[in-house]
Amino acid sequence: MKKAYRVRKNQEFTKIIAKKHTRSSKNFVIHYDTRALDHSRIGISVSKKLGNAVIRNKVKRQVREMVKDLDFYELPHDYIIIVRKGYFEGCFADNKKDLEKTIKACRII
């Protein structure tokens, strides 16, 4: 995923989270706000409670790959995806289905 499609600054993270538009599932919490640019952006957050840096980076790479398959560029929002502890209980395919379902719930609003 190109850097232009990522939410990278702390101010942008806090701005999107402050809007309090959320959807959650067993594995993810998704905060969203109307997009600021011509395309959607994604920010991924993994808590230190879930593992060391190697594990957190692995999870971020996996979530980026899941999002890439969703073709999110034309979605109407910017998203912050927070990974929960339940992520480690399922396989990649199950987590991907859960993420798709949660993002579809955000589209409705």
N, C-alpha and C. Protein backbone atom coordinates (compact mmCIF):
# COMPACT_ATOMS: atom_id res chain seq x y z
N MET A 1 0.85 -1.17 0.00
CA MET A 1 0.00 0.00 0.00
C MET A 1 0.89 1.23 0.00
N LYS A 2 0.60 2.15 -0.88
CA LYS A 2 1.38 3.36 -0.98
C LYS A 2 1.17 4.24 0.25
N LYS A 3 2.16 5.04 0.57
CA LYS A 3 2.09 5.90 1.75
C LYS A 3 1.00 6.96 1.62
N ALA A 4 0.62 7.30 0.40
CA ALA A 4 -0.45 8.28 0.20
C ALA A 4 -1.79 7.76 0.69
N TYR A 5 -1.93 6.44 0.79
CA TYR A 5 -3.18 5.83 1.20
C TYR A 5 -3.20 5.47 2.69
N ARG A 6 -2.22 5.97 3.44
CA ARG A 6 -2.15 5.67 4.87
C ARG A 6 -2.38 6.93 5.69
N VAL A 7 -3.00 6.74 6.83
CA VAL A 7 -3.07 7.80 7.84
C VAL A 7 -1.81 7.63 8.67
N ARG A 8 -0.97 8.65 8.71
CA ARG A 8 0.34 8.48 9.33
C ARG A 8 0.58 9.37 10.54
N LYS A 9 -0.03 10.53 10.58
CA LYS A 9 0.25 11.48 11.65
C LYS A 9 -0.67 11.25 12.84
N ASN A 10 -0.11 11.49 14.01
CA ASN A 10 -0.87 11.33 15.25
C ASN A 10 -2.09 12.26 15.27
N GLN A 11 -1.95 13.45 14.75
CA GLN A 11 -3.07 14.40 14.72
C GLN A 11 -4.23 13.86 13.89
N GLU A 12 -3.92 13.20 12.78
CA GLU A 12 -4.97 12.63 11.94
C GLU A 12 -5.65 11.46 12.64
N PHE A 13 -4.87 10.63 13.33
CA PHE A 13 -5.44 9.53 14.10
C PHE A 13 -6.43 10.07 15.14
N THR A 14 -5.98 11.06 15.91
CA THR A 14 -6.83 11.58 16.98
C THR A 14 -8.06 12.29 16.43
N LYS A 15 -7.94 12.95 15.29
CA LYS A 15 -9.08 13.63 14.68
C LYS A 15 -10.16 12.62 14.26
N ILE A 16 -9.74 11.53 13.64
CA ILE A 16 -10.70 10.51 13.19
C ILE A 16 -11.32 9.80 14.39
N ILE A 17 -10.53 9.48 15.39
CA ILE A 17 -11.05 8.79 16.58
C ILE A 17 -11.98 9.69 17.37
N ALA A 18 -11.71 11.00 17.39
CA ALA A 18 -12.53 11.94 18.15
C ALA A 18 -13.96 12.07 17.59
N LYS A 19 -14.16 11.74 16.33
CA LYS A 19 -15.49 11.82 15.73
C LYS A 19 -16.45 10.79 16.31
N LYS A 20 -15.91 9.74 16.92
CA LYS A 20 -16.67 8.70 17.61
C LYS A 20 -17.64 7.96 16.70
N HIS A 21 -17.28 7.80 15.45
CA HIS A 21 -18.02 6.92 14.55
C HIS A 21 -17.26 5.61 14.55
N THR A 22 -17.82 4.57 15.16
CA THR A 22 -17.10 3.31 15.29
C THR A 22 -17.98 2.13 14.94
N ARG A 23 -17.32 1.08 14.54
CA ARG A 23 -17.91 -0.24 14.38
C ARG A 23 -16.90 -1.20 14.98
N SER A 24 -17.39 -2.23 15.63
CA SER A 24 -16.46 -3.18 16.24
C SER A 24 -16.91 -4.60 16.00
N SER A 25 -15.95 -5.49 16.09
CA SER A 25 -16.19 -6.92 15.98
C SER A 25 -15.27 -7.61 16.98
N LYS A 26 -15.22 -8.91 16.89
CA LYS A 26 -14.38 -9.67 17.80
C LYS A 26 -12.90 -9.34 17.62
N ASN A 27 -12.49 -9.08 16.38
CA ASN A 27 -11.08 -8.91 16.07
C ASN A 27 -10.64 -7.47 15.83
N PHE A 28 -11.58 -6.58 15.50
CA PHE A 28 -11.21 -5.23 15.10
C PHE A 28 -12.15 -4.19 15.69
N VAL A 29 -11.62 -2.99 15.87
CA VAL A 29 -12.43 -1.79 16.12
C VAL A 29 -12.08 -0.84 14.99
N ILE A 30 -13.09 -0.34 14.30
CA ILE A 30 -12.85 0.55 13.18
C ILE A 30 -13.48 1.90 13.48
N HIS A 31 -12.65 2.94 13.48
CA HIS A 31 -13.09 4.32 13.60
C HIS A 31 -13.07 4.91 12.20
N TYR A 32 -14.07 5.71 11.86
CA TYR A 32 -14.10 6.27 10.51
C TYR A 32 -14.65 7.68 10.53
N ASP A 33 -14.26 8.43 9.51
CA ASP A 33 -14.71 9.80 9.32
C ASP A 33 -14.71 10.06 7.82
N THR A 34 -15.44 11.08 7.39
CA THR A 34 -15.45 11.38 5.96
C THR A 34 -14.04 11.68 5.49
N ARG A 35 -13.74 11.25 4.30
CA ARG A 35 -12.37 11.37 3.82
C ARG A 35 -12.00 12.83 3.54
N ALA A 36 -10.75 13.13 3.79
CA ALA A 36 -10.25 14.49 3.63
C ALA A 36 -9.68 14.72 2.24
N LEU A 37 -9.29 13.65 1.56
CA LEU A 37 -8.67 13.76 0.23
C LEU A 37 -9.60 13.13 -0.81
N ASP A 38 -9.09 13.00 -2.03
CA ASP A 38 -9.88 12.41 -3.11
C ASP A 38 -10.01 10.89 -2.98
N HIS A 39 -9.22 10.29 -2.12
CA HIS A 39 -9.24 8.83 -1.94
C HIS A 39 -9.28 8.51 -0.45
N SER A 40 -9.68 7.30 -0.14
CA SER A 40 -9.71 6.86 1.26
C SER A 40 -8.30 6.55 1.75
N ARG A 41 -8.14 6.65 3.07
CA ARG A 41 -6.88 6.31 3.69
C ARG A 41 -7.14 5.37 4.86
N ILE A 42 -6.14 4.57 5.19
CA ILE A 42 -6.24 3.59 6.26
C ILE A 42 -5.11 3.82 7.25
N GLY A 43 -5.43 3.76 8.54
CA GLY A 43 -4.44 3.77 9.60
C GLY A 43 -4.61 2.50 10.42
N ILE A 44 -3.53 1.84 10.76
CA ILE A 44 -3.59 0.58 11.50
C ILE A 44 -2.87 0.76 12.82
N SER A 45 -3.52 0.31 13.89
CA SER A 45 -2.94 0.42 15.22
C SER A 45 -2.98 -0.95 15.89
N VAL A 46 -1.84 -1.36 16.44
CA VAL A 46 -1.75 -2.62 17.18
C VAL A 46 -1.12 -2.29 18.52
N SER A 47 -1.80 -2.63 19.60
CA SER A 47 -1.34 -2.30 20.94
C SER A 47 -0.11 -3.11 21.33
N LYS A 48 0.70 -2.53 22.20
CA LYS A 48 1.87 -3.24 22.73
C LYS A 48 1.46 -4.43 23.57
N LYS A 49 0.23 -4.46 24.05
CA LYS A 49 -0.25 -5.57 24.85
C LYS A 49 -0.36 -6.86 24.03
N LEU A 50 -0.44 -6.73 22.71
CA LEU A 50 -0.63 -7.89 21.86
C LEU A 50 0.67 -8.61 21.52
N GLY A 51 1.81 -7.98 21.74
CA GLY A 51 3.06 -8.66 21.47
C GLY A 51 4.20 -7.68 21.27
N ASN A 52 5.37 -8.26 21.01
CA ASN A 52 6.54 -7.41 20.79
C ASN A 52 6.50 -6.80 19.39
N ALA A 53 7.51 -6.04 19.03
CA ALA A 53 7.52 -5.29 17.77
C ALA A 53 7.43 -6.20 16.55
N VAL A 54 8.06 -7.36 16.61
CA VAL A 54 8.03 -8.28 15.48
C VAL A 54 6.61 -8.75 15.22
N ILE A 55 5.89 -9.11 16.26
CA ILE A 55 4.51 -9.59 16.12
C ILE A 55 3.60 -8.46 15.66
N ARG A 56 3.76 -7.27 16.24
CA ARG A 56 2.91 -6.14 15.84
C ARG A 56 3.12 -5.78 14.37
N ASN A 57 4.35 -5.78 13.91
CA ASN A 57 4.63 -5.47 12.51
C ASN A 57 4.06 -6.55 11.59
N LYS A 58 4.12 -7.80 12.00
CA LYS A 58 3.55 -8.89 11.22
C LYS A 58 2.04 -8.71 11.08
N VAL A 59 1.39 -8.36 12.18
CA VAL A 59 -0.06 -8.15 12.15
C VAL A 59 -0.40 -6.98 11.23
N LYS A 60 0.36 -5.90 11.30
CA LYS A 60 0.13 -4.75 10.43
C LYS A 60 0.28 -5.12 8.96
N ARG A 61 1.29 -5.91 8.63
CA ARG A 61 1.47 -6.36 7.24
C ARG A 61 0.29 -7.19 6.79
N GLN A 62 -0.19 -8.08 7.66
CA GLN A 62 -1.33 -8.91 7.31
C GLN A 62 -2.59 -8.07 7.09
N VAL A 63 -2.82 -7.11 7.95
CA VAL A 63 -4.02 -6.26 7.82
C VAL A 63 -3.91 -5.41 6.55
N ARG A 64 -2.73 -4.91 6.23
CA ARG A 64 -2.57 -4.15 4.98
C ARG A 64 -2.90 -5.02 3.77
N GLU A 65 -2.49 -6.28 3.81
CA GLU A 65 -2.78 -7.19 2.72
C GLU A 65 -4.29 -7.46 2.62
N MET A 66 -4.96 -7.58 3.75
CA MET A 66 -6.41 -7.76 3.75
C MET A 66 -7.10 -6.56 3.13
N VAL A 67 -6.65 -5.38 3.50
CA VAL A 67 -7.27 -4.14 3.00
C VAL A 67 -7.01 -3.98 1.51
N LYS A 68 -5.84 -4.38 1.06
CA LYS A 68 -5.50 -4.25 -0.36
C LYS A 68 -6.50 -5.03 -1.23
N ASP A 69 -6.92 -6.19 -0.75
CA ASP A 69 -7.88 -7.02 -1.49
C ASP A 69 -9.28 -6.44 -1.48
N LEU A 70 -9.57 -5.53 -0.56
CA LEU A 70 -10.91 -4.95 -0.46
C LEU A 70 -11.17 -3.85 -1.48
N ASP A 71 -10.14 -3.33 -2.13
CA ASP A 71 -10.27 -2.21 -3.07
C ASP A 71 -10.94 -1.03 -2.37
N PHE A 72 -10.30 -0.55 -1.33
CA PHE A 72 -10.87 0.46 -0.45
C PHE A 72 -10.71 1.89 -0.96
N TYR A 73 -9.99 2.11 -2.03
CA TYR A 73 -9.64 3.46 -2.47
C TYR A 73 -10.86 4.33 -2.77
N GLU A 74 -11.96 3.72 -3.16
CA GLU A 74 -13.14 4.49 -3.53
C GLU A 74 -14.18 4.56 -2.42
N LEU A 75 -13.86 4.05 -1.25
CA LEU A 75 -14.79 4.10 -0.13
C LEU A 75 -14.96 5.55 0.34
N PRO A 76 -16.08 5.86 0.99
CA PRO A 76 -16.36 7.26 1.35
C PRO A 76 -15.71 7.76 2.64
N HIS A 77 -14.87 6.96 3.28
CA HIS A 77 -14.34 7.36 4.58
C HIS A 77 -12.84 7.14 4.67
N ASP A 78 -12.23 7.77 5.68
CA ASP A 78 -10.89 7.43 6.15
C ASP A 78 -11.10 6.52 7.36
N TYR A 79 -10.27 5.50 7.49
CA TYR A 79 -10.47 4.47 8.52
C TYR A 79 -9.24 4.34 9.41
N ILE A 80 -9.51 4.09 10.69
CA ILE A 80 -8.48 3.68 11.65
C ILE A 80 -8.88 2.28 12.10
N ILE A 81 -8.02 1.31 11.86
CA ILE A 81 -8.29 -0.07 12.24
C ILE A 81 -7.44 -0.40 13.46
N ILE A 82 -8.11 -0.75 14.55
CA ILE A 82 -7.42 -1.14 15.77
C ILE A 82 -7.62 -2.65 15.93
N VAL A 83 -6.51 -3.36 16.06
CA VAL A 83 -6.55 -4.82 16.15
C VAL A 83 -6.75 -5.22 17.61
N ARG A 84 -7.69 -6.15 17.82
CA ARG A 84 -7.97 -6.67 19.16
C ARG A 84 -7.28 -8.01 19.39
N LYS A 85 -7.32 -8.46 20.63
CA LYS A 85 -6.68 -9.71 21.03
C LYS A 85 -7.26 -10.92 20.30
N GLY A 86 -8.55 -10.87 19.96
CA GLY A 86 -9.19 -11.98 19.27
C GLY A 86 -8.62 -12.28 17.90
N TYR A 87 -7.83 -11.38 17.36
CA TYR A 87 -7.22 -11.56 16.05
C TYR A 87 -6.38 -12.83 15.99
N PHE A 88 -5.72 -13.16 17.08
CA PHE A 88 -4.81 -14.30 17.09
C PHE A 88 -5.54 -15.64 17.19
N GLU A 89 -6.82 -15.63 17.48
CA GLU A 89 -7.58 -16.88 17.60
C GLU A 89 -7.99 -17.45 16.25
N GLY A 90 -8.08 -16.61 15.23
CA GLY A 90 -8.53 -17.06 13.92
C GLY A 90 -7.41 -17.11 12.92
N CYS A 91 -7.70 -17.72 11.78
CA CYS A 91 -6.73 -17.77 10.69
C CYS A 91 -6.88 -16.52 9.82
N PHE A 92 -6.00 -16.38 8.85
CA PHE A 92 -5.99 -15.20 7.98
C PHE A 92 -7.33 -15.03 7.27
N ALA A 93 -7.88 -16.11 6.73
CA ALA A 93 -9.14 -16.04 5.98
C ALA A 93 -10.31 -15.60 6.87
N ASP A 94 -10.36 -16.13 8.08
CA ASP A 94 -11.43 -15.74 9.01
C ASP A 94 -11.31 -14.27 9.40
N ASN A 95 -10.09 -13.83 9.66
CA ASN A 95 -9.87 -12.43 10.02
C ASN A 95 -10.23 -11.51 8.86
N LYS A 96 -9.93 -11.93 7.66
CA LYS A 96 -10.24 -11.13 6.47
C LYS A 96 -11.76 -10.98 6.31
N LYS A 97 -12.49 -12.07 6.50
CA LYS A 97 -13.95 -12.01 6.41
C LYS A 97 -14.52 -11.09 7.48
N ASP A 98 -13.97 -11.16 8.67
CA ASP A 98 -14.42 -10.30 9.76
C ASP A 98 -14.16 -8.83 9.44
N LEU A 99 -13.00 -8.53 8.88
CA LEU A 99 -12.68 -7.15 8.51
C LEU A 99 -13.61 -6.65 7.41
N GLU A 100 -13.87 -7.48 6.41
CA GLU A 100 -14.78 -7.10 5.33
C GLU A 100 -16.17 -6.79 5.87
N LYS A 101 -16.65 -7.64 6.76
CA LYS A 101 -17.98 -7.46 7.34
C LYS A 101 -18.05 -6.17 8.14
N THR A 102 -17.02 -5.88 8.90
CA THR A 102 -17.00 -4.68 9.73
C THR A 102 -16.92 -3.41 8.88
N ILE A 103 -16.12 -3.44 7.81
CA ILE A 103 -16.03 -2.27 6.94
C ILE A 103 -17.33 -2.07 6.18
N LYS A 104 -18.01 -3.13 5.78
CA LYS A 104 -19.31 -3.00 5.12
C LYS A 104 -20.32 -2.34 6.06
N ALA A 105 -20.23 -2.63 7.34
CA ALA A 105 -21.13 -1.99 8.31
C ALA A 105 -20.86 -0.49 8.39
N CYS A 106 -19.63 -0.07 8.16
CA CYS A 106 -19.30 1.36 8.15
C CYS A 106 -19.84 2.04 6.92
N ARG A 107 -19.92 1.35 5.81
CA ARG A 107 -20.41 1.94 4.56
C ARG A 107 -21.87 2.31 4.62
N ILE A 108 -22.64 1.58 5.39
CA ILE A 108 -24.08 1.79 5.46
C ILE A 108 -24.40 3.17 5.96
N ILE A 109 -23.62 3.67 6.87
CA ILE A 109 -23.93 4.96 7.50
C ILE A 109 -23.49 6.12 6.65
